[in-house]
PDB file of N, CA and C in Angstrom:
ATOM      1  N   MET A   1      30.591  17.678  11.926  1.00  0.00           N
ATOM      2  CA  MET A   1      29.305  17.702  12.605  1.00  0.00           C
ATOM      3  C   MET A   1      29.163  16.471  13.493  1.00  0.00           C
ATOM      4  N   ASP A   2      28.542  16.669  14.625  1.00  0.00           N
ATOM      5  CA  ASP A   2      28.300  15.533  15.494  1.00  0.00           C
ATOM      6  C   ASP A   2      26.876  15.020  15.304  1.00  0.00           C
ATOM      7  N   GLN A   3      26.548  13.957  16.015  1.00  0.00           N
ATOM      8  CA  GLN A   3      25.238  13.314  15.856  1.00  0.00           C
ATOM      9  C   GLN A   3      24.074  14.204  16.253  1.00  0.00           C
ATOM     10  N   PHE A   4      24.316  15.260  17.037  1.00  0.00           N
ATOM     11  CA  PHE A   4      23.222  16.108  17.500  1.00  0.00           C
ATOM     12  C   PHE A   4      22.950  17.279  16.566  1.00  0.00           C
ATOM     13  N   THR A   5      23.911  17.649  15.754  1.00  0.00           N
ATOM     14  CA  THR A   5      23.710  18.771  14.835  1.00  0.00           C
ATOM     15  C   THR A   5      23.554  18.309  13.398  1.00  0.00           C
ATOM     16  N   GLU A   6      23.867  17.071  13.137  1.00  0.00           N
ATOM     17  CA  GLU A   6      23.770  16.536  11.782  1.00  0.00           C
ATOM     18  C   GLU A   6      22.313  16.239  11.438  1.00  0.00           C
ATOM     19  N   LYS A   7      21.893  16.682  10.255  1.00  0.00           N
ATOM     20  CA  LYS A   7      20.530  16.423   9.812  1.00  0.00           C
ATOM     21  C   LYS A   7      20.384  14.941   9.466  1.00  0.00           C
ATOM     22  N   PRO A   8      19.354  14.280  10.000  1.00  0.00           N
ATOM     23  CA  PRO A   8      19.179  12.859   9.684  1.00  0.00           C
ATOM     24  C   PRO A   8      18.840  12.667   8.206  1.00  0.00           C
ATOM     25  N   ARG A   9      19.318  11.585   7.636  1.00  0.00           N
ATOM     26  CA  ARG A   9      19.035  11.278   6.225  1.00  0.00           C
ATOM     27  C   ARG A   9      17.641  10.705   6.098  1.00  0.00           C
ATOM     28  N   GLN A  10      16.983  11.058   5.018  1.00  0.00           N
ATOM     29  CA  GLN A  10      15.644  10.528   4.777  1.00  0.00           C
ATOM     30  C   GLN A  10      15.748   9.126   4.194  1.00  0.00           C
ATOM     31  N   SER A  11      14.770   8.334   4.524  1.00  0.00           N
ATOM     32  CA  SER A  11      14.720   6.983   3.977  1.00  0.00           C
ATOM     33  C   SER A  11      14.160   7.024   2.555  1.00  0.00           C
ATOM     34  N   ALA A  12      14.326   5.944   1.853  1.00  0.00           N
ATOM     35  CA  ALA A  12      13.775   5.845   0.500  1.00  0.00           C
ATOM     36  C   ALA A  12      12.261   6.018   0.528  1.00  0.00           C
ATOM     37  N   LEU A  13      11.610   5.508   1.566  1.00  0.00           N
ATOM     38  CA  LEU A  13      10.164   5.647   1.682  1.00  0.00           C
ATOM     39  C   LEU A  13       9.778   7.111   1.839  1.00  0.00           C
ATOM     40  N   GLU A  14      10.512   7.833   2.674  1.00  0.00           N
ATOM     41  CA  GLU A  14      10.227   9.254   2.854  1.00  0.00           C
ATOM     42  C   GLU A  14      10.466  10.031   1.563  1.00  0.00           C
ATOM     43  N   ASP A  15      11.523   9.683   0.849  1.00  0.00           N
ATOM     44  CA  ASP A  15      11.803  10.334  -0.435  1.00  0.00           C
ATOM     45  C   ASP A  15      10.663  10.094  -1.417  1.00  0.00           C
ATOM     46  N   ALA A  16      10.198   8.853  -1.494  1.00  0.00           N
ATOM     47  CA  ALA A  16       9.090   8.525  -2.395  1.00  0.00           C
ATOM     48  C   ALA A  16       7.828   9.272  -1.995  1.00  0.00           C
ATOM     49  N   PHE A  17       7.571   9.351  -0.695  1.00  0.00           N
ATOM     50  CA  PHE A  17       6.396  10.097  -0.217  1.00  0.00           C
ATOM     51  C   PHE A  17       6.460  11.550  -0.658  1.00  0.00           C
ATOM     52  N   HIS A  18       7.600  12.180  -0.478  1.00  0.00           N
ATOM     53  CA  HIS A  18       7.729  13.590  -0.830  1.00  0.00           C
ATOM     54  C   HIS A  18       7.587  13.810  -2.333  1.00  0.00           C
ATOM     55  N   ARG A  19       8.133  12.885  -3.142  1.00  0.00           N
ATOM     56  CA  ARG A  19       7.963  12.994  -4.599  1.00  0.00           C
ATOM     57  C   ARG A  19       6.495  12.871  -4.970  1.00  0.00           C
ATOM     58  N   LEU A  20       5.798  11.897  -4.381  1.00  0.00           N
ATOM     59  CA  LEU A  20       4.372  11.720  -4.676  1.00  0.00           C
ATOM     60  C   LEU A  20       3.557  12.912  -4.199  1.00  0.00           C
ATOM     61  N   PHE A  21       3.914  13.464  -3.059  1.00  0.00           N
ATOM     62  CA  PHE A  21       3.214  14.635  -2.541  1.00  0.00           C
ATOM     63  C   PHE A  21       3.362  15.808  -3.509  1.00  0.00           C
ATOM     64  N   GLU A  22       4.577  16.033  -3.986  1.00  0.00           N
ATOM     65  CA  GLU A  22       4.799  17.123  -4.944  1.00  0.00           C
ATOM     66  C   GLU A  22       4.023  16.889  -6.237  1.00  0.00           C
ATOM     67  N   LEU A  23       4.033  15.645  -6.714  1.00  0.00           N
ATOM     68  CA  LEU A  23       3.261  15.327  -7.926  1.00  0.00           C
ATOM     69  C   LEU A  23       1.779  15.567  -7.717  1.00  0.00           C
ATOM     70  N   SER A  24       1.285  15.284  -6.513  1.00  0.00           N
ATOM     71  CA  SER A  24      -0.141  15.487  -6.242  1.00  0.00           C
ATOM     72  C   SER A  24      -0.515  16.959  -6.310  1.00  0.00           C
ATOM     73  N   ARG A  25       0.464  17.829  -6.126  1.00  0.00           N
ATOM     74  CA  ARG A  25       0.204  19.265  -6.166  1.00  0.00           C
ATOM     75  C   ARG A  25       0.362  19.851  -7.568  1.00  0.00           C
ATOM     76  N   THR A  26       1.069  19.134  -8.451  1.00  0.00           N
ATOM     77  CA  THR A  26       1.363  19.682  -9.782  1.00  0.00           C
ATOM     78  C   THR A  26       0.688  18.935 -10.926  1.00  0.00           C
ATOM     79  N   THR A  27       0.217  17.740 -10.672  1.00  0.00           N
ATOM     80  CA  THR A  27      -0.393  16.910 -11.718  1.00  0.00           C
ATOM     81  C   THR A  27      -1.911  16.987 -11.594  1.00  0.00           C
ATOM     82  N   PRO A  28      -2.606  17.187 -12.706  1.00  0.00           N
ATOM     83  CA  PRO A  28      -4.070  17.238 -12.611  1.00  0.00           C
ATOM     84  C   PRO A  28      -4.656  15.910 -12.121  1.00  0.00           C
ATOM     85  N   ALA A  29      -5.790  15.992 -11.479  1.00  0.00           N
ATOM     86  CA  ALA A  29      -6.477  14.794 -10.981  1.00  0.00           C
ATOM     87  C   ALA A  29      -6.893  13.915 -12.162  1.00  0.00           C
ATOM     88  N   PRO A  30      -6.888  12.600 -11.964  1.00  0.00           N
ATOM     89  CA  PRO A  30      -7.313  11.699 -13.047  1.00  0.00           C
ATOM     90  C   PRO A  30      -8.806  11.862 -13.321  1.00  0.00           C
ATOM     91  N   SER A  31      -9.177  11.522 -14.525  1.00  0.00           N
ATOM     92  CA  SER A  31     -10.588  11.601 -14.912  1.00  0.00           C
ATOM     93  C   SER A  31     -11.380  10.493 -14.208  1.00  0.00           C
ATOM     94  N   LEU A  32     -12.694  10.597 -14.272  1.00  0.00           N
ATOM     95  CA  LEU A  32     -13.558   9.566 -13.691  1.00  0.00           C
ATOM     96  C   LEU A  32     -13.263   8.215 -14.320  1.00  0.00           C
ATOM     97  N   ASP A  33     -13.114   8.175 -15.651  1.00  0.00           N
ATOM     98  CA  ASP A  33     -12.830   6.904 -16.323  1.00  0.00           C
ATOM     99  C   ASP A  33     -11.501   6.308 -15.853  1.00  0.00           C
ATOM    100  N   GLN A  34     -10.489   7.154 -15.670  1.00  0.00           N
ATOM    101  CA  GLN A  34      -9.201   6.662 -15.184  1.00  0.00           C
ATOM    102  C   GLN A  34      -9.326   6.116 -13.765  1.00  0.00           C
ATOM    103  N   ARG A  35     -10.048   6.809 -12.916  1.00  0.00           N
ATOM    104  CA  ARG A  35     -10.219   6.350 -11.535  1.00  0.00           C
ATOM    105  C   ARG A  35     -10.978   5.033 -11.499  1.00  0.00           C
ATOM    106  N   LEU A  36     -12.049   4.923 -12.297  1.00  0.00           N
ATOM    107  CA  LEU A  36     -12.824   3.679 -12.335  1.00  0.00           C
ATOM    108  C   LEU A  36     -11.968   2.519 -12.850  1.00  0.00           C
ATOM    109  N   ASP A  37     -11.138   2.790 -13.864  1.00  0.00           N
ATOM    110  CA  ASP A  37     -10.245   1.757 -14.392  1.00  0.00           C
ATOM    111  C   ASP A  37      -9.245   1.317 -13.327  1.00  0.00           C
ATOM    112  N   ARG A  38      -8.670   2.263 -12.609  1.00  0.00           N
ATOM    113  CA  ARG A  38      -7.705   1.925 -11.555  1.00  0.00           C
ATOM    114  C   ARG A  38      -8.357   1.100 -10.455  1.00  0.00           C
ATOM    115  N   LEU A  39      -9.571   1.470 -10.075  1.00  0.00           N
ATOM    116  CA  LEU A  39     -10.280   0.706  -9.042  1.00  0.00           C
ATOM    117  C   LEU A  39     -10.595  -0.709  -9.511  1.00  0.00           C
ATOM    118  N   ALA A  40     -10.987  -0.846 -10.769  1.00  0.00           N
ATOM    119  CA  ALA A  40     -11.283  -2.173 -11.313  1.00  0.00           C
ATOM    120  C   ALA A  40     -10.020  -3.036 -11.325  1.00  0.00           C
ATOM    121  N   ARG A  41      -8.885  -2.438 -11.720  1.00  0.00           N
ATOM    122  CA  ARG A  41      -7.631  -3.190 -11.736  1.00  0.00           C
ATOM    123  C   ARG A  41      -7.185  -3.546 -10.327  1.00  0.00           C
ATOM    124  N   LEU A  42      -7.408  -2.644  -9.369  1.00  0.00           N
ATOM    125  CA  LEU A  42      -7.072  -2.942  -7.978  1.00  0.00           C
ATOM    126  C   LEU A  42      -7.922  -4.093  -7.458  1.00  0.00           C
ATOM    127  N   ARG A  43      -9.229  -4.051  -7.746  1.00  0.00           N
ATOM    128  CA  ARG A  43     -10.120  -5.128  -7.301  1.00  0.00           C
ATOM    129  C   ARG A  43      -9.671  -6.466  -7.897  1.00  0.00           C
ATOM    130  N   ALA A  44      -9.294  -6.473  -9.174  1.00  0.00           N
ATOM    131  CA  ALA A  44      -8.838  -7.711  -9.817  1.00  0.00           C
ATOM    132  C   ALA A  44      -7.540  -8.208  -9.180  1.00  0.00           C
ATOM    133  N   ALA A  45      -6.609  -7.288  -8.887  1.00  0.00           N
ATOM    134  CA  ALA A  45      -5.340  -7.684  -8.272  1.00  0.00           C
ATOM    135  C   ALA A  45      -5.556  -8.271  -6.886  1.00  0.00           C
ATOM    136  N   VAL A  46      -6.465  -7.673  -6.121  1.00  0.00           N
ATOM    137  CA  VAL A  46      -6.763  -8.193  -4.781  1.00  0.00           C
ATOM    138  C   VAL A  46      -7.383  -9.585  -4.899  1.00  0.00           C
ATOM    139  N   ALA A  47      -8.338  -9.737  -5.818  1.00  0.00           N
ATOM    140  CA  ALA A  47      -8.992 -11.036  -5.992  1.00  0.00           C
ATOM    141  C   ALA A  47      -7.992 -12.102  -6.441  1.00  0.00           C
ATOM    142  N   GLU A  48      -7.080 -11.744  -7.346  1.00  0.00           N
ATOM    143  CA  GLU A  48      -6.089 -12.699  -7.843  1.00  0.00           C
ATOM    144  C   GLU A  48      -5.112 -13.134  -6.759  1.00  0.00           C
ATOM    145  N   ASN A  49      -4.912 -12.308  -5.767  1.00  0.00           N
ATOM    146  CA  ASN A  49      -3.928 -12.590  -4.722  1.00  0.00           C
ATOM    147  C   ASN A  49      -4.567 -12.930  -3.383  1.00  0.00           C
ATOM    148  N   GLU A  50      -5.849 -13.237  -3.392  1.00  0.00           N
ATOM    149  CA  GLU A  50      -6.595 -13.511  -2.159  1.00  0.00           C
ATOM    150  C   GLU A  50      -5.950 -14.629  -1.333  1.00  0.00           C
ATOM    151  N   ALA A  51      -5.563 -15.706  -1.989  1.00  0.00           N
ATOM    152  CA  ALA A  51      -4.955 -16.834  -1.261  1.00  0.00           C
ATOM    153  C   ALA A  51      -3.630 -16.418  -0.628  1.00  0.00           C
ATOM    154  N   GLY A  52      -2.844 -15.639  -1.345  1.00  0.00           N
ATOM    155  CA  GLY A  52      -1.573 -15.168  -0.808  1.00  0.00           C
ATOM    156  C   GLY A  52      -1.766 -14.268   0.404  1.00  0.00           C
ATOM    157  N   PHE A  53      -2.786 -13.401   0.333  1.00  0.00           N
ATOM    158  CA  PHE A  53      -3.085 -12.545   1.475  1.00  0.00           C
ATOM    159  C   PHE A  53      -3.487 -13.396   2.680  1.00  0.00           C
ATOM    160  N   ALA A  54      -4.321 -14.402   2.444  1.00  0.00           N
ATOM    161  CA  ALA A  54      -4.765 -15.275   3.533  1.00  0.00           C
ATOM    162  C   ALA A  54      -3.578 -16.003   4.157  1.00  0.00           C
ATOM    163  N   GLN A  55      -2.630 -16.452   3.339  1.00  0.00           N
ATOM    164  CA  GLN A  55      -1.438 -17.129   3.860  1.00  0.00           C
ATOM    165  C   GLN A  55      -0.585 -16.171   4.691  1.00  0.00           C
ATOM    166  N   ALA A  56      -0.420 -14.944   4.216  1.00  0.00           N
ATOM    167  CA  ALA A  56       0.385 -13.962   4.949  1.00  0.00           C
ATOM    168  C   ALA A  56      -0.272 -13.618   6.286  1.00  0.00           C
ATOM    169  N   ILE A  57      -1.581 -13.450   6.277  1.00  0.00           N
ATOM    170  CA  ILE A  57      -2.300 -13.147   7.520  1.00  0.00           C
ATOM    171  C   ILE A  57      -2.200 -14.321   8.477  1.00  0.00           C
ATOM    172  N   SER A  58      -2.321 -15.532   7.956  1.00  0.00           N
ATOM    173  CA  SER A  58      -2.193 -16.722   8.788  1.00  0.00           C
ATOM    174  C   SER A  58      -0.825 -16.764   9.454  1.00  0.00           C
ATOM    175  N   ALA A  59       0.212 -16.465   8.685  1.00  0.00           N
ATOM    176  CA  ALA A  59       1.566 -16.463   9.238  1.00  0.00           C
ATOM    177  C   ALA A  59       1.708 -15.383  10.315  1.00  0.00           C
ATOM    178  N   ASP A  60       1.129 -14.218  10.071  1.00  0.00           N
ATOM    179  CA  ASP A  60       1.207 -13.130  11.057  1.00  0.00           C
ATOM    180  C   ASP A  60       0.509 -13.490  12.361  1.00  0.00           C
ATOM    181  N   PHE A  61      -0.618 -14.204  12.258  1.00  0.00           N
ATOM    182  CA  PHE A  61      -1.402 -14.531  13.443  1.00  0.00           C
ATOM    183  C   PHE A  61      -1.049 -15.897  14.023  1.00  0.00           C
ATOM    184  N   GLY A  62      -0.105 -16.577  13.441  1.00  0.00           N
ATOM    185  CA  GLY A  62       0.280 -17.887  13.956  1.00  0.00           C
ATOM    186  C   GLY A  62      -0.695 -18.963  13.540  1.00  0.00           C
ATOM    187  N   HIS A  63      -0.827 -19.201  12.276  1.00  0.00           N
ATOM    188  CA  HIS A  63      -1.674 -20.256  11.705  1.00  0.00           C
ATOM    189  C   HIS A  63      -3.167 -19.974  11.862  1.00  0.00           C
ATOM    190  N   ARG A  64      -3.578 -18.782  11.533  1.00  0.00           N
ATOM    191  CA  ARG A  64      -4.997 -18.418  11.524  1.00  0.00           C
ATOM    192  C   ARG A  64      -5.648 -19.096  10.321  1.00  0.00           C
ATOM    193  N   SER A  65      -6.834 -19.625  10.495  1.00  0.00           N
ATOM    194  CA  SER A  65      -7.498 -20.332   9.401  1.00  0.00           C
ATOM    195  C   SER A  65      -7.935 -19.358   8.313  1.00  0.00           C
ATOM    196  N   ALA A  66      -7.944 -19.852   7.078  1.00  0.00           N
ATOM    197  CA  ALA A  66      -8.366 -19.037   5.940  1.00  0.00           C
ATOM    198  C   ALA A  66      -9.823 -18.614   6.089  1.00  0.00           C
ATOM    199  N   THR A  67     -10.653 -19.498   6.666  1.00  0.00           N
ATOM    200  CA  THR A  67     -12.069 -19.167   6.876  1.00  0.00           C
ATOM    201  C   THR A  67     -12.209 -18.002   7.838  1.00  0.00           C
ATOM    202  N   GLU A  68     -11.465 -18.030   8.926  1.00  0.00           N
ATOM    203  CA  GLU A  68     -11.516 -16.922   9.885  1.00  0.00           C
ATOM    204  C   GLU A  68     -11.047 -15.615   9.231  1.00  0.00           C
ATOM    205  N   THR A  69     -10.025 -15.710   8.408  1.00  0.00           N
ATOM    206  CA  THR A  69      -9.531 -14.521   7.710  1.00  0.00           C
ATOM    207  C   THR A  69     -10.604 -13.985   6.778  1.00  0.00           C
ATOM    208  N   MET A  70     -11.292 -14.832   6.049  1.00  0.00           N
ATOM    209  CA  MET A  70     -12.314 -14.390   5.098  1.00  0.00           C
ATOM    210  C   MET A  70     -13.475 -13.706   5.843  1.00  0.00           C
ATOM    211  N   ILE A  71     -13.775 -14.154   7.055  1.00  0.00           N
ATOM    212  CA  ILE A  71     -14.860 -13.558   7.848  1.00  0.00           C
ATOM    213  C   ILE A  71     -14.393 -12.238   8.461  1.00  0.00           C
ATOM    214  N   ALA A  72     -13.179 -12.222   8.985  1.00  0.00           N
ATOM    215  CA  ALA A  72     -12.684 -11.070   9.737  1.00  0.00           C
ATOM    216  C   ALA A  72     -12.101  -9.966   8.857  1.00  0.00           C
ATOM    217  N   GLU A  73     -11.675 -10.300   7.654  1.00  0.00           N
ATOM    218  CA  GLU A  73     -11.007  -9.332   6.761  1.00  0.00           C
ATOM    219  C   GLU A  73     -11.754  -9.240   5.433  1.00  0.00           C
ATOM    220  N   PRO A  74     -12.961  -8.701   5.441  1.00  0.00           N
ATOM    221  CA  PRO A  74     -13.731  -8.692   4.174  1.00  0.00           C
ATOM    222  C   PRO A  74     -13.145  -7.834   3.110  1.00  0.00           C
TER     223      PRO A  74
END
């Protein structure tokens, strides 16, 4: 097969997406308590990593101040 007839290989990200998509069709939705617990854990993880996020954003923007990030990225 040449490059024009050969099927392109999927990336690991695409494979993971397709697996999650299939699971979303076959797995029952989480309960309200499970969703609330997941949201609470997500909020805690974001809060625990706030400084790291600010540093990454600063690096992306070329030394953006943490104060500006806190105002612009609530």
